[in-house]
Amino acid sequence: DQIPPDEQIGTVTGDGAFDTRRCHTAILERGGTAVIPIRRNGRLWKEDCSAARARNDILRATRRLGRANWKHWSGYHVRRRIEARMRCLKSFGERIASRDPDRQTAEVHIRIALMNRFNALGTADIERVT
């Protein structure tokens, strides 16, 4: 409901909490494709609607390819990178200190500039010591 009805939807990515009939149906009704991993104890659904067929196709592909390979094949692994960036952003503090919307925007931009600067410096090389 948060996306305007006239806006096109390509794919919808979510974690296992979105593996429900309601979510799969809503995505298909808007013409989108769900990229949602099936829960580890997931079973085939009775194929009484197109959402169930699409979800069962994901489950079959996961079983055939393996969970890790399915994530790469479907593009779900990109989500991990986004989650890591959000964790970095939150490490500067959970809350925004400013109350003024313009200052809040500036504060977020400063945090992102700091993250980009840290990334430009490079990442550490980790070596195993035994």
C-alpha atoms as a PDB file:
ATOM      1  CA  ASP A   1       0.000   0.000   0.000  1.00  0.00           C
ATOM      2  CA  GLN A   2       3.005   2.326   0.450  1.00  0.00           C
ATOM      3  CA  ILE A   3       3.833   2.255  -3.268  1.00  0.00           C
ATOM      4  CA  PRO A   4       1.499   4.323  -5.474  1.00  0.00           C
ATOM      5  CA  PRO A   5      -0.747   2.171  -7.712  1.00  0.00           C
ATOM      6  CA  ASP A   6       0.525   3.776 -10.934  1.00  0.00           C
ATOM      7  CA  GLU A   7       4.171   2.965 -10.113  1.00  0.00           C
ATOM      8  CA  GLN A   8       5.672  -0.136 -11.746  1.00  0.00           C
ATOM      9  CA  ILE A   9       7.100  -2.898  -9.496  1.00  0.00           C
ATOM     10  CA  GLY A  10       9.853  -5.169 -10.800  1.00  0.00           C
ATOM     11  CA  THR A  11      11.072  -7.312  -7.917  1.00  0.00           C
ATOM     12  CA  VAL A  12      10.375  -7.290  -4.217  1.00  0.00           C
ATOM     13  CA  THR A  13      13.086  -8.563  -1.891  1.00  0.00           C
ATOM     14  CA  GLY A  14      12.397  -9.485   1.707  1.00  0.00           C
ATOM     15  CA  ASP A  15      13.539 -11.904   4.371  1.00  0.00           C
ATOM     16  CA  GLY A  16      11.771 -15.069   5.492  1.00  0.00           C
ATOM     17  CA  ALA A  17       9.212 -13.110   7.516  1.00  0.00           C
ATOM     18  CA  PHE A  18       7.595 -12.086   4.209  1.00  0.00           C
ATOM     19  CA  ASP A  19       7.117 -15.712   3.128  1.00  0.00           C
ATOM     20  CA  THR A  20       3.334 -15.549   3.527  1.00  0.00           C
ATOM     21  CA  ARG A  21       0.385 -16.021   1.172  1.00  0.00           C
ATOM     22  CA  ARG A  22      -0.651 -12.434   1.724  1.00  0.00           C
ATOM     23  CA  CYS A  23       2.755 -11.034   0.671  1.00  0.00           C
ATOM     24  CA  HIS A  24       3.170 -13.302  -2.344  1.00  0.00           C
ATOM     25  CA  THR A  25      -0.384 -12.503  -3.509  1.00  0.00           C
ATOM     26  CA  ALA A  26       0.086  -8.736  -3.112  1.00  0.00           C
ATOM     27  CA  ILE A  27       3.363  -8.832  -5.064  1.00  0.00           C
ATOM     28  CA  LEU A  28       1.839 -10.807  -7.933  1.00  0.00           C
ATOM     29  CA  GLU A  29      -1.267  -8.598  -8.058  1.00  0.00           C
ATOM     30  CA  ARG A  30       0.999  -5.592  -8.662  1.00  0.00           C
ATOM     31  CA  GLY A  31       2.902  -7.430 -11.411  1.00  0.00           C
ATOM     32  CA  GLY A  32       6.088  -7.916  -9.412  1.00  0.00           C
ATOM     33  CA  THR A  33       8.357 -10.874  -8.784  1.00  0.00           C
ATOM     34  CA  ALA A  34       9.077 -12.022  -5.241  1.00  0.00           C
ATOM     35  CA  VAL A  35      12.691 -12.680  -4.232  1.00  0.00           C
ATOM     36  CA  ILE A  36      11.948 -14.061  -0.781  1.00  0.00           C
ATOM     37  CA  PRO A  37      13.842 -17.036   0.639  1.00  0.00           C
ATOM     38  CA  ILE A  38      11.620 -19.801   1.890  1.00  0.00           C
ATOM     39  CA  ARG A  39      11.862 -20.531   5.593  1.00  0.00           C
ATOM     40  CA  ARG A  40      14.090 -23.475   6.476  1.00  0.00           C
ATOM     41  CA  ASN A  41      11.121 -25.608   7.482  1.00  0.00           C
ATOM     42  CA  GLY A  42       9.046 -24.444   4.482  1.00  0.00           C
ATOM     43  CA  ARG A  43       6.784 -26.949   2.748  1.00  0.00           C
ATOM     44  CA  LEU A  44       5.038 -26.869  -0.615  1.00  0.00           C
ATOM     45  CA  TRP A  45       1.745 -24.987  -0.608  1.00  0.00           C
ATOM     46  CA  LYS A  46      -1.408 -26.327  -2.200  1.00  0.00           C
ATOM     47  CA  GLU A  47      -1.303 -24.811  -5.697  1.00  0.00           C
ATOM     48  CA  ASP A  48      -4.734 -23.197  -5.676  1.00  0.00           C
ATOM     49  CA  CYS A  49      -3.547 -19.758  -6.822  1.00  0.00           C
ATOM     50  CA  SER A  50      -0.737 -18.181  -8.843  1.00  0.00           C
ATOM     51  CA  ALA A  51       0.982 -16.913  -5.679  1.00  0.00           C
ATOM     52  CA  ALA A  52       1.277 -20.475  -4.373  1.00  0.00           C
ATOM     53  CA  ARG A  53       2.705 -21.667  -7.700  1.00  0.00           C
ATOM     54  CA  ALA A  54       5.306 -18.862  -7.732  1.00  0.00           C
ATOM     55  CA  ARG A  55       6.269 -19.573  -4.130  1.00  0.00           C
ATOM     56  CA  ASN A  56       6.553 -23.318  -4.800  1.00  0.00           C
ATOM     57  CA  ASP A  57       8.839 -22.548  -7.757  1.00  0.00           C
ATOM     58  CA  ILE A  58      11.150 -20.674  -5.376  1.00  0.00           C
ATOM     59  CA  LEU A  59      11.110 -23.627  -2.979  1.00  0.00           C
ATOM     60  CA  ARG A  60      11.916 -26.108  -5.764  1.00  0.00           C
ATOM     61  CA  ALA A  61      14.759 -23.923  -7.037  1.00  0.00           C
ATOM     62  CA  THR A  62      16.139 -23.615  -3.502  1.00  0.00           C
ATOM     63  CA  ARG A  63      16.082 -27.385  -3.065  1.00  0.00           C
ATOM     64  CA  ARG A  64      17.637 -28.003  -6.486  1.00  0.00           C
ATOM     65  CA  LEU A  65      20.388 -25.361  -6.302  1.00  0.00           C
ATOM     66  CA  GLY A  66      20.950 -25.197  -2.557  1.00  0.00           C
ATOM     67  CA  ARG A  67      20.160 -22.193  -0.396  1.00  0.00           C
ATOM     68  CA  ALA A  68      23.442 -20.298  -0.950  1.00  0.00           C
ATOM     69  CA  ASN A  69      23.418 -20.843  -4.719  1.00  0.00           C
ATOM     70  CA  TRP A  70      19.775 -19.767  -4.943  1.00  0.00           C
ATOM     71  CA  LYS A  71      20.634 -16.502  -3.176  1.00  0.00           C
ATOM     72  CA  HIS A  72      23.326 -15.735  -5.757  1.00  0.00           C
ATOM     73  CA  TRP A  73      21.215 -16.931  -8.687  1.00  0.00           C
ATOM     74  CA  SER A  74      18.212 -14.818  -7.665  1.00  0.00           C
ATOM     75  CA  GLY A  75      20.210 -11.737  -6.661  1.00  0.00           C
ATOM     76  CA  TYR A  76      19.155 -11.992  -3.013  1.00  0.00           C
ATOM     77  CA  HIS A  77      22.811 -11.820  -1.882  1.00  0.00           C
ATOM     78  CA  VAL A  78      22.859  -8.083  -2.734  1.00  0.00           C
ATOM     79  CA  ARG A  79      20.552  -7.535   0.228  1.00  0.00           C
ATOM     80  CA  ARG A  80      23.364  -8.617   2.554  1.00  0.00           C
ATOM     81  CA  ARG A  81      25.513  -5.724   1.355  1.00  0.00           C
ATOM     82  CA  ILE A  82      22.723  -3.246   1.976  1.00  0.00           C
ATOM     83  CA  GLU A  83      22.137  -4.621   5.477  1.00  0.00           C
ATOM     84  CA  ALA A  84      25.871  -4.280   6.232  1.00  0.00           C
ATOM     85  CA  ARG A  85      25.821  -0.622   5.136  1.00  0.00           C
ATOM     86  CA  MET A  86      22.789   0.087   7.318  1.00  0.00           C
ATOM     87  CA  ARG A  87      24.592  -1.476  10.277  1.00  0.00           C
ATOM     88  CA  CYS A  88      27.544   0.851   9.621  1.00  0.00           C
ATOM     89  CA  LEU A  89      25.214   3.835   9.434  1.00  0.00           C
ATOM     90  CA  LYS A  90      23.586   2.865  12.725  1.00  0.00           C
ATOM     91  CA  SER A  91      26.985   2.508  14.399  1.00  0.00           C
ATOM     92  CA  PHE A  92      27.169   6.323  14.425  1.00  0.00           C
ATOM     93  CA  GLY A  93      24.154   6.298  16.711  1.00  0.00           C
ATOM     94  CA  GLU A  94      20.605   5.031  16.569  1.00  0.00           C
ATOM     95  CA  ARG A  95      18.984   8.449  16.688  1.00  0.00           C
ATOM     96  CA  ILE A  96      19.314  11.713  14.867  1.00  0.00           C
ATOM     97  CA  ALA A  97      20.009  14.546  17.307  1.00  0.00           C
ATOM     98  CA  SER A  98      18.500  17.426  15.325  1.00  0.00           C
ATOM     99  CA  ARG A  99      14.832  18.325  15.344  1.00  0.00           C
ATOM    100  CA  ASP A 100      14.788  20.601  12.303  1.00  0.00           C
ATOM    101  CA  PRO A 101      14.199  18.596   9.051  1.00  0.00           C
ATOM    102  CA  ASP A 102      16.951  20.485   7.187  1.00  0.00           C
ATOM    103  CA  ARG A 103      19.441  19.763   9.953  1.00  0.00           C
ATOM    104  CA  GLN A 104      18.344  16.122  10.075  1.00  0.00           C
ATOM    105  CA  THR A 105      19.077  15.857   6.367  1.00  0.00           C
ATOM    106  CA  ALA A 106      22.486  17.436   6.880  1.00  0.00           C
ATOM    107  CA  GLU A 107      23.221  15.063   9.766  1.00  0.00           C
ATOM    108  CA  VAL A 108      22.421  11.999   7.650  1.00  0.00           C
ATOM    109  CA  HIS A 109      24.553  13.368   4.799  1.00  0.00           C
ATOM    110  CA  ILE A 110      27.474  13.835   7.196  1.00  0.00           C
ATOM    111  CA  ARG A 111      27.148  10.242   8.420  1.00  0.00           C
ATOM    112  CA  ILE A 112      27.099   8.936   4.851  1.00  0.00           C
ATOM    113  CA  ALA A 113      30.108  11.116   3.925  1.00  0.00           C
ATOM    114  CA  LEU A 114      32.005   9.618   6.878  1.00  0.00           C
ATOM    115  CA  MET A 115      31.089   6.097   5.791  1.00  0.00           C
ATOM    116  CA  ASN A 116      32.263   6.826   2.258  1.00  0.00           C
ATOM    117  CA  ARG A 117      35.527   8.258   3.592  1.00  0.00           C
ATOM    118  CA  PHE A 118      36.138   5.151   5.705  1.00  0.00           C
ATOM    119  CA  ASN A 119      35.464   2.966   2.663  1.00  0.00           C
ATOM    120  CA  ALA A 120      37.876   5.042   0.581  1.00  0.00           C
ATOM    121  CA  LEU A 121      40.622   4.338   3.119  1.00  0.00           C
ATOM    122  CA  GLY A 122      40.182   0.645   2.412  1.00  0.00           C
ATOM    123  CA  THR A 123      39.280  -2.415   4.356  1.00  0.00           C
ATOM    124  CA  ALA A 124      41.554  -4.326   6.639  1.00  0.00           C
ATOM    125  CA  ASP A 125      43.290  -7.472   5.458  1.00  0.00           C
ATOM    126  CA  ILE A 126      42.508 -10.243   7.889  1.00  0.00           C
ATOM    127  CA  GLU A 127      45.057 -12.997   8.339  1.00  0.00           C
ATOM    128  CA  ARG A 128      44.536 -16.117  10.379  1.00  0.00           C
ATOM    129  CA  VAL A 129      47.076 -16.588  13.159  1.00  0.00           C
ATOM    130  CA  THR A 130      47.402 -20.050  14.642  1.00  0.00           C
END
